[in-house]
Protein backbone atom coordinates (compact mmCIF):
# COMPACT_ATOMS: atom_id res chain seq x y z
CA UNK A 1 -15.02 31.25 -0.55
CA UNK A 2 -11.50 32.69 -0.75
CA UNK A 3 -8.55 31.33 -2.67
CA UNK A 4 -6.73 30.17 0.46
CA UNK A 5 -9.70 28.07 1.49
CA UNK A 6 -9.81 26.40 -1.91
CA UNK A 7 -6.07 25.65 -1.82
CA UNK A 8 -6.26 24.30 1.73
CA UNK A 9 -9.19 22.04 0.85
CA UNK A 10 -7.37 20.71 -2.20
CA UNK A 11 -4.18 20.01 -0.26
CA UNK A 12 -6.16 18.21 2.44
CA UNK A 13 -7.96 16.07 -0.15
CA UNK A 14 -4.65 15.21 -1.81
CA UNK A 15 -2.92 14.11 1.38
CA UNK A 16 -5.88 12.13 2.73
CA UNK A 17 -6.40 10.33 -0.58
CA UNK A 18 -2.70 9.50 -1.00
CA UNK A 19 -2.44 8.19 2.57
CA UNK A 20 -5.57 6.03 2.32
CA UNK A 21 -4.67 4.73 -1.14
CA UNK A 22 -1.18 3.80 0.01
CA UNK A 23 -2.60 1.79 2.90
CA UNK A 24 -5.16 0.09 0.66
CA UNK A 25 -2.44 -0.74 -1.86
CA UNK A 26 -0.26 -2.37 0.80
CA UNK A 27 -3.20 -4.40 2.05
CA UNK A 28 -4.09 -5.48 -1.49
CA UNK A 29 -0.52 -6.56 -2.32
CA UNK A 30 -0.12 -8.75 0.76
CA UNK A 31 -0.22 -12.48 0.08
CA UNK A 32 -3.74 -13.70 0.62
CA UNK A 33 -5.53 -16.96 0.15
CA UNK A 34 -6.60 -17.84 -3.40
CA UNK A 35 -10.12 -17.38 -4.63
CA UNK A 36 -12.68 -18.75 -2.24
CA UNK A 37 -14.89 -21.68 -3.28
CA UNK A 38 -18.12 -20.84 -4.97
CA UNK A 39 -16.60 -18.28 -7.37
CA UNK A 40 -16.15 -15.54 -4.77
CA UNK A 41 -13.18 -13.26 -5.28
CA UNK A 42 -10.30 -13.22 -2.85
CA UNK A 43 -9.74 -10.47 -0.32
CA UNK A 44 -6.98 -8.90 -2.42
CA UNK A 45 -9.26 -8.66 -5.47
CA UNK A 46 -11.99 -7.03 -3.40
CA UNK A 47 -9.52 -4.49 -1.99
CA UNK A 48 -8.31 -3.57 -5.46
CA UNK A 49 -11.87 -3.19 -6.72
CA UNK A 50 -12.93 -0.97 -3.82
CA UNK A 51 -9.94 1.37 -4.10
CA UNK A 52 -12.23 4.19 -5.20
CA UNK A 53 -13.46 4.47 -1.63
CA UNK A 54 -10.17 6.24 -0.84
CA UNK A 55 -11.12 9.02 -3.28
CA UNK A 56 -14.57 9.27 -1.73
CA UNK A 57 -13.15 9.53 1.79
CA UNK A 58 -10.40 11.97 0.78
CA UNK A 59 -12.67 14.33 -1.16
CA UNK A 60 -15.54 13.97 1.31
CA UNK A 61 -13.35 14.66 4.32
CA UNK A 62 -11.76 17.76 2.81
CA UNK A 63 -15.00 19.20 1.41
CA UNK A 64 -16.99 18.32 4.53
CA UNK A 65 -14.37 19.91 6.78
CA UNK A 66 -14.37 23.11 4.73
CA UNK A 67 -18.15 23.16 4.79
CA UNK A 68 -18.21 22.67 8.56
CA UNK A 69 -15.75 25.56 9.01
CA UNK A 70 -18.12 27.84 7.10
CA UNK A 71 -16.08 28.15 3.94
CA UNK A 72 -19.12 27.92 1.66
CA UNK A 73 -20.63 31.18 2.95
CA UNK A 74 -24.22 31.58 1.76
CA UNK A 75 -24.22 28.53 -0.53
CA UNK A 76 -23.83 25.95 2.21
CA UNK A 77 -27.13 24.31 1.27
CA UNK A 78 -26.15 23.74 -2.36
CA UNK A 79 -22.69 22.40 -1.51
CA UNK A 80 -24.07 20.21 1.30
CA UNK A 81 -26.72 18.75 -1.01
CA UNK A 82 -24.12 18.09 -3.70
CA UNK A 83 -21.81 16.35 -1.23
CA UNK A 84 -24.67 14.33 0.31
CA UNK A 85 -25.93 13.18 -3.08
CA UNK A 86 -22.44 12.13 -4.17
CA UNK A 87 -22.02 10.25 -0.89
CA UNK A 88 -25.29 8.35 -1.40
CA UNK A 89 -24.26 7.29 -4.89
CA UNK A 90 -20.81 6.26 -3.64
CA UNK A 91 -22.34 4.11 -0.88
CA UNK A 92 -24.53 2.39 -3.46
CA UNK A 93 -21.46 1.75 -5.61
CA UNK A 94 -19.58 0.27 -2.66
CA UNK A 95 -22.41 -2.19 -2.08
CA UNK A 96 -22.21 -3.12 -5.76
CA UNK A 97 -18.44 -3.66 -5.48
CA UNK A 98 -18.93 -6.06 -2.58
CA UNK A 99 -21.97 -7.85 -3.98
CA UNK A 100 -22.80 -6.98 -7.61
CA UNK A 101 -26.42 -6.40 -8.58
CA UNK A 102 -28.25 -5.26 -11.69
CA UNK A 103 -27.43 -1.86 -13.12
CA UNK A 104 -31.14 -1.00 -13.44
CA UNK A 105 -31.43 -0.96 -9.65
CA UNK A 106 -28.97 1.94 -9.42
CA UNK A 107 -31.06 4.35 -11.46
CA UNK A 108 -33.73 5.07 -8.77
CA UNK A 109 -31.06 5.79 -6.15
CA UNK A 110 -29.16 8.05 -8.54
CA UNK A 111 -32.35 9.90 -9.42
CA UNK A 112 -33.20 10.35 -5.71
CA UNK A 113 -29.71 11.72 -5.01
CA UNK A 114 -30.06 14.12 -7.95
CA UNK A 115 -33.45 15.28 -6.65
CA UNK A 116 -31.83 15.99 -3.29
CA UNK A 117 -29.20 18.16 -4.96
CA UNK A 118 -31.79 20.04 -6.99
CA UNK A 119 -34.10 20.66 -4.02
CA UNK A 120 -31.33 21.99 -1.78
CA UNK A 121 -30.05 24.19 -4.61
CA UNK A 122 -33.47 25.80 -4.99
CA UNK A 123 -33.85 25.30 -8.75
CA UNK A 124 -37.15 25.87 -10.52
CA UNK A 125 -39.27 22.80 -11.40
CA UNK A 126 -38.42 22.92 -15.11
CA UNK A 127 -34.71 23.43 -14.49
CA UNK A 128 -34.81 20.81 -11.76
CA UNK A 129 -36.22 18.12 -14.05
CA UNK A 130 -33.61 18.85 -16.70
CA UNK A 131 -30.87 18.84 -14.06
CA UNK A 132 -31.98 15.46 -12.66
CA UNK A 133 -31.99 13.88 -16.13
CA UNK A 134 -28.60 15.38 -16.92
CA UNK A 135 -27.04 14.23 -13.65
CA UNK A 136 -28.25 10.63 -14.05
CA UNK A 137 -27.11 10.48 -17.69
CA UNK A 138 -23.64 11.93 -17.12
CA UNK A 139 -23.09 9.91 -13.94
CA UNK A 140 -23.53 6.64 -15.80
CA UNK A 141 -21.60 7.90 -18.83
CA UNK A 142 -18.53 8.67 -16.70
CA UNK A 143 -18.91 5.41 -14.77
CA UNK A 144 -18.65 3.49 -18.06
CA UNK A 145 -15.17 4.94 -18.61
CA UNK A 146 -13.79 2.82 -15.77
CA UNK A 147 -12.80 -0.04 -18.09
CA UNK A 148 -9.05 0.58 -18.38
CA UNK A 149 -6.22 1.55 -16.03
CA UNK A 150 -6.08 5.31 -15.39
CA UNK A 151 -8.75 6.14 -17.97
CA UNK A 152 -11.58 7.51 -15.87
CA UNK A 153 -9.13 9.09 -13.43
CA UNK A 154 -7.42 11.03 -16.24
CA UNK A 155 -10.62 12.14 -17.97
CA UNK A 156 -12.25 13.03 -14.65
CA UNK A 157 -9.21 15.04 -13.61
CA UNK A 158 -9.28 17.09 -16.83
CA UNK A 159 -13.05 17.63 -16.58
CA UNK A 160 -12.88 18.68 -12.92
CA UNK A 161 -10.16 21.20 -13.79
CA UNK A 162 -12.47 22.75 -16.40
CA UNK A 163 -15.34 22.93 -13.90
CA UNK A 164 -13.02 24.54 -11.37
CA UNK A 165 -12.03 27.20 -13.88
CA UNK A 166 -15.67 27.89 -14.84
CA UNK A 167 -16.75 28.13 -11.19
CA UNK A 168 -13.90 30.52 -10.44
CA UNK A 169 -14.78 32.76 -13.40
CA UNK A 170 -18.37 33.47 -12.45
CA UNK A 171 -21.40 32.43 -10.56
CA UNK A 172 -21.00 31.30 -6.96
CA UNK A 173 -17.36 30.94 -5.79
CA UNK A 174 -18.44 28.40 -3.17
CA UNK A 175 -19.16 25.93 -5.99
CA UNK A 176 -15.41 25.67 -6.59
CA UNK A 177 -15.09 23.59 -3.40
CA UNK A 178 -16.03 20.18 -4.75
CA UNK A 179 -14.25 20.53 -8.14
CA UNK A 180 -11.07 21.66 -6.36
CA UNK A 181 -11.07 18.76 -3.92
CA UNK A 182 -11.98 16.34 -6.71
CA UNK A 183 -9.01 17.48 -8.80
CA UNK A 184 -6.67 16.90 -5.86
CA UNK A 185 -8.23 13.56 -4.92
CA UNK A 186 -8.09 12.16 -8.46
CA UNK A 187 -4.51 13.35 -8.87
CA UNK A 188 -3.49 11.51 -5.71
CA UNK A 189 -5.34 8.36 -6.73
CA UNK A 190 -3.82 8.39 -10.22
CA UNK A 191 -0.46 7.43 -8.67
CA UNK A 192 -1.95 4.02 -7.80
CA UNK A 193 -4.38 3.73 -10.71
CA UNK A 194 -1.92 4.21 -13.56
CA UNK A 195 -1.01 1.12 -15.58
CA UNK A 196 -0.35 -1.41 -14.17
CA UNK A 197 -3.05 -0.37 -11.72
CA UNK A 198 -2.78 -1.58 -8.14
CA UNK A 199 -6.13 -0.05 -7.22
CA UNK A 200 -9.30 0.55 -9.21
CA UNK A 201 -12.00 3.14 -8.78
CA UNK A 202 -14.68 0.48 -8.93
CA UNK A 203 -18.36 1.30 -8.93
CA UNK A 204 -18.02 3.41 -5.77
CA UNK A 205 -15.30 5.75 -7.02
CA UNK A 206 -16.59 5.83 -10.60
CA UNK A 207 -20.16 6.78 -9.68
CA UNK A 208 -18.93 9.29 -7.10
CA UNK A 209 -16.70 10.95 -9.70
CA UNK A 210 -19.42 11.01 -12.35
CA UNK A 211 -22.07 12.32 -9.97
CA UNK A 212 -19.78 15.03 -8.56
CA UNK A 213 -18.86 16.22 -12.06
CA UNK A 214 -22.44 16.16 -13.37
CA UNK A 215 -23.98 17.84 -10.32
CA UNK A 216 -21.24 20.47 -10.12
CA UNK A 217 -21.76 21.32 -13.79
CA UNK A 218 -25.52 21.63 -13.31
CA UNK A 219 -25.18 23.91 -10.28
CA UNK A 220 -22.48 26.05 -11.91
CA UNK A 221 -24.68 26.45 -14.95
CA UNK A 222 -27.68 27.45 -12.80
CA UNK A 223 -25.61 30.04 -10.92
CA UNK A 224 -23.90 31.47 -14.00
CA UNK A 225 -24.65 35.06 -15.05
CA UNK A 226 -27.31 35.44 -17.71
CA UNK A 227 -24.90 36.96 -20.21
CA UNK A 228 -22.64 33.91 -20.39
CA UNK A 229 -23.19 30.96 -22.74
CA UNK A 230 -23.24 28.51 -19.84
CA UNK A 231 -26.22 26.60 -21.24
CA UNK A 232 -24.03 25.47 -24.15
CA UNK A 233 -20.52 25.61 -22.69
CA UNK A 234 -20.78 23.40 -19.62
CA UNK A 235 -22.46 20.37 -21.30
CA UNK A 236 -19.51 20.22 -23.72
CA UNK A 237 -17.29 19.19 -20.78
CA UNK A 238 -18.82 15.71 -20.86
CA UNK A 239 -18.10 15.14 -24.56
CA UNK A 240 -15.73 12.17 -24.14
CA UNK A 241 -17.96 10.30 -21.68
CA UNK A 242 -21.03 10.80 -23.87
CA UNK A 243 -19.07 9.76 -26.98
CA UNK A 244 -18.03 6.49 -25.31
CA UNK A 245 -21.63 5.80 -24.27
CA UNK A 246 -22.91 6.51 -27.78
CA UNK A 247 -20.25 4.23 -29.28
CA UNK A 248 -21.23 1.37 -26.99
CA UNK A 249 -24.97 1.73 -27.59
CA UNK A 250 -24.64 1.99 -31.37
CA UNK A 251 -22.26 -0.96 -31.68
CA UNK A 252 -24.36 -3.22 -29.45
CA UNK A 253 -27.52 -2.22 -31.27
CA UNK A 254 -25.96 -3.08 -34.61
CA UNK A 255 -24.70 -6.43 -33.32
CA UNK A 256 -28.09 -7.26 -31.72
CA UNK A 257 -26.48 -7.58 -28.30
CA UNK A 258 -27.81 -6.70 -24.86
CA UNK A 259 -27.36 -3.02 -24.09
CA UNK A 260 -26.70 -3.64 -20.39
CA UNK A 261 -24.26 -6.54 -20.63
CA UNK A 262 -20.57 -5.59 -20.33
CA UNK A 263 -18.38 -6.24 -23.36
CA UNK A 264 -15.01 -5.17 -24.74
CA UNK A 265 -16.48 -2.58 -27.09
CA UNK A 266 -15.51 0.73 -25.48
CA UNK A 267 -13.10 3.30 -26.88
CA UNK A 268 -10.05 1.96 -25.03
CA UNK A 269 -10.83 -1.61 -26.12
CA UNK A 270 -10.92 -0.60 -29.77
CA UNK A 271 -7.72 1.39 -29.42
CA UNK A 272 -6.05 -1.71 -28.01
CA UNK A 273 -7.02 -3.61 -31.16
CA UNK A 274 -5.05 -1.11 -33.26
CA UNK A 275 -1.90 -1.59 -31.17
CA UNK A 276 -2.39 1.34 -28.74
CA UNK A 277 -1.05 0.56 -25.27
CA UNK A 278 -3.11 0.94 -22.10
CA UNK A 279 -1.22 4.09 -20.94
CA UNK A 280 -1.43 5.42 -24.49
CA UNK A 281 -5.21 5.03 -24.50
CA UNK A 282 -5.46 6.96 -21.22
CA UNK A 283 -3.25 9.74 -22.61
CA UNK A 284 -5.22 9.93 -25.88
CA UNK A 285 -8.56 10.19 -24.10
CA UNK A 286 -7.11 12.75 -21.71
CA UNK A 287 -6.03 14.88 -24.67
CA UNK A 288 -9.40 14.28 -26.31
CA UNK A 289 -11.13 15.53 -23.16
CA UNK A 290 -8.81 18.54 -22.94
CA UNK A 291 -10.06 19.91 -26.29
CA UNK A 292 -13.76 20.35 -25.34
CA UNK A 293 -12.83 21.36 -21.78
CA UNK A 294 -10.53 24.13 -23.01
CA UNK A 295 -13.04 25.27 -25.64
CA UNK A 296 -15.92 25.38 -23.16
CA UNK A 297 -13.86 27.23 -20.57
CA UNK A 298 -12.80 29.90 -23.09
CA UNK A 299 -16.37 30.32 -24.29
CA UNK A 300 -17.60 30.54 -20.71
CA UNK A 301 -14.99 33.24 -20.06
CA UNK A 302 -16.27 35.08 -23.17
CA UNK A 303 -12.89 34.78 -24.88
CA UNK A 304 -14.25 32.72 -27.78
CA UNK A 305 -17.45 32.94 -29.78
CA UNK A 306 -20.08 30.33 -28.82
CA UNK A 307 -19.93 28.96 -32.37
CA UNK A 308 -16.64 27.29 -31.47
CA UNK A 309 -18.61 24.94 -29.21
CA UNK A 310 -19.78 23.08 -32.30
CA UNK A 311 -16.26 21.88 -33.13
CA UNK A 312 -15.64 19.41 -30.25
CA UNK A 313 -18.98 17.56 -30.64
CA UNK A 314 -18.53 17.41 -34.42
CA UNK A 315 -15.05 15.96 -34.04
CA UNK A 316 -16.30 13.47 -31.47
CA UNK A 317 -19.08 12.30 -33.80
CA UNK A 318 -16.50 11.72 -36.55
CA UNK A 319 -14.30 9.83 -34.09
CA UNK A 320 -17.20 7.60 -33.03
CA UNK A 321 -17.96 6.63 -36.63
CA UNK A 322 -14.28 5.92 -37.23
CA UNK A 323 -14.10 3.73 -34.11
CA UNK A 324 -17.18 1.80 -35.25
CA UNK A 325 -15.10 0.45 -38.14
CA UNK A 326 -12.79 -1.33 -35.69
CA UNK A 327 -14.25 -4.80 -35.00
CA UNK A 328 -15.18 -5.23 -31.36
CA UNK A 329 -16.85 -8.64 -31.28
CA UNK A 330 -15.45 -11.99 -32.29
CA UNK A 331 -17.25 -13.72 -35.20
CA UNK A 332 -19.79 -16.36 -34.19
CA UNK A 333 -18.62 -19.95 -34.18
CA UNK A 334 -19.87 -21.98 -37.11
CA UNK A 335 -21.17 -25.51 -36.48
CA UNK A 336 -19.36 -28.35 -38.30
CA UNK A 337 -20.87 -29.51 -41.56
CA UNK A 338 -22.80 -32.76 -41.86
CA UNK A 339 -20.09 -34.31 -44.03
CA UNK A 340 -17.42 -33.63 -41.38
CA UNK A 341 -19.71 -34.97 -38.68
CA UNK A 342 -20.28 -38.16 -40.64
CA UNK A 343 -16.56 -38.62 -41.14
CA UNK A 344 -15.83 -38.27 -37.44
CA UNK A 345 -18.62 -40.61 -36.41
CA UNK A 346 -18.06 -43.25 -39.09
CA UNK A 347 -16.91 -46.64 -37.66
CA UNK A 348 -13.36 -47.66 -38.40
CA UNK A 349 -12.47 -51.04 -39.80
CA UNK A 350 -9.44 -53.13 -39.08
CA UNK A 351 -8.12 -55.79 -36.80
CA UNK A 352 -8.83 -55.21 -33.13
CA UNK A 353 -6.15 -55.64 -30.51
CA UNK A 354 -6.99 -58.57 -28.27
CA UNK A 355 -7.59 -57.60 -24.68
CA UNK A 356 -6.06 -59.20 -21.67
CA UNK A 357 -9.45 -60.37 -20.47
CA UNK A 358 -9.72 -62.70 -23.45
CA UNK A 359 -6.66 -64.64 -22.35
CA UNK A 360 -7.34 -67.82 -20.44
CA UNK A 361 -7.21 -67.38 -16.71
CA UNK A 362 -7.67 -63.61 -16.71
CA UNK A 363 -10.05 -62.50 -13.97
CA UNK A 364 -11.21 -59.14 -12.67
CA UNK A 365 -14.22 -57.16 -11.59
CA UNK A 366 -17.20 -56.56 -13.77
CA UNK A 367 -16.73 -53.83 -16.43
CA UNK A 368 -18.03 -50.36 -15.57
CA UNK A 369 -20.76 -48.56 -17.39
CA UNK A 370 -19.62 -47.36 -20.80
CA UNK A 371 -16.58 -49.72 -21.00
CA UNK A 372 -16.21 -52.63 -23.40
CA UNK A 373 -17.15 -55.98 -21.96
CA UNK A 374 -13.64 -57.35 -22.46
CA UNK A 375 -11.78 -54.72 -20.42
CA UNK A 376 -9.77 -56.35 -17.64
CA UNK A 377 -9.20 -54.60 -14.35
CA UNK A 378 -6.83 -55.11 -11.42
CA UNK A 379 -7.85 -55.90 -7.86
CA UNK A 380 -7.81 -52.16 -7.06
CA UNK A 381 -10.26 -51.52 -9.88
CA UNK A 382 -7.81 -49.90 -12.36
CA UNK A 383 -7.90 -51.04 -16.02
CA UNK A 384 -4.96 -53.12 -17.17
CA UNK A 385 -2.94 -52.40 -20.30
CA UNK A 386 -2.62 -55.53 -22.49
CA UNK A 387 0.88 -56.46 -23.71
CA UNK A 388 1.54 -56.20 -27.44
CA UNK A 389 1.10 -59.46 -29.34
CA UNK A 390 4.43 -61.23 -29.93
CA UNK A 391 3.28 -64.39 -31.63
CA UNK A 392 4.75 -66.65 -28.93
CA UNK A 393 2.80 -68.75 -26.50
CA UNK A 394 2.77 -68.15 -22.78
CA UNK A 395 4.50 -71.48 -22.16
CA UNK A 396 7.39 -70.51 -24.45
CA UNK A 397 7.87 -67.17 -22.72
CA UNK A 398 7.91 -68.90 -19.30
CA UNK A 399 10.51 -71.40 -20.54
CA UNK A 400 12.78 -68.58 -21.77
CA UNK A 401 12.55 -66.71 -18.44
CA UNK A 402 13.43 -69.88 -16.43
């Protein structure tokens, strides 16, 4: 695939994504009815949550058009399988955005999509099994980054740029198609996803982005020349996503919490607790992702020694342990002591205020369940408020009024 074809595909993905995202943003910002009864979200909330479908359509249209025009040359099967697998995962995510279901149900579909990619790429059985496991792991790791405005879009953009550079340096040039269109699509969507975000990637856009990055890395690694350190360089591109996943699993394991239940314990959540703004968290994680991406790209290009690949994971491990020191969960509520409970439930002594029902001639309906027997009520059934005692008789008050 030539350079002009890559540029044309990227420009097409950028324009299609920007146009679709702009229309979805206008539809989401229109005044709609409030939340529907039964806890269902309003139409505007659903539109914001399914904004990632614009990235899927933009990238899919540009890459599919280039594939149909024959731009992939002899690797049409690999690129078609990669695009089909990413589309299957995106469709599953869209269903989840419209009607959420358990995360465990997504794993079989993701594994089936990864098997489709591996089979069409013609990998060996051993390499295929490793590739399927890697694709499923990295897909979910990147999807977990969609917990703050612009976070996954920024990290995915940096990672896709590194994959594009690695694909252009060696292996099969046709594998640059999906990373190039993904860079353009995420850049166009970032205009609407930056804080305050009007659109979100949602499960559809997040899983599509993660699957496209993971599958592209696996295929680029399989097509890399034997002399390059691709087996160690390309996995380093997913350092930030894997670090966030490790942080979440370790912290929930320590706190004896469910591993699959969402909580505010990700990297961006902890940065917010130390006074880092939402855009600042996206910028910090983008810079964090740029370090392993740059290192892996230089090692893949044989400009750095492979030993430098140990630095980004080591720094990420240190960062994870430092982030674990930031409290992520609120302390459990303590039950009141028995002494306090006795004080609150102890009966009070003192003179009671006479009720209006005790006065002669006061009538009303029968008291309701749970009310004192002397509570007087009006004809409409509302309780009356007794006047304060004045010490004068009713006859004296009537004489003064006349």
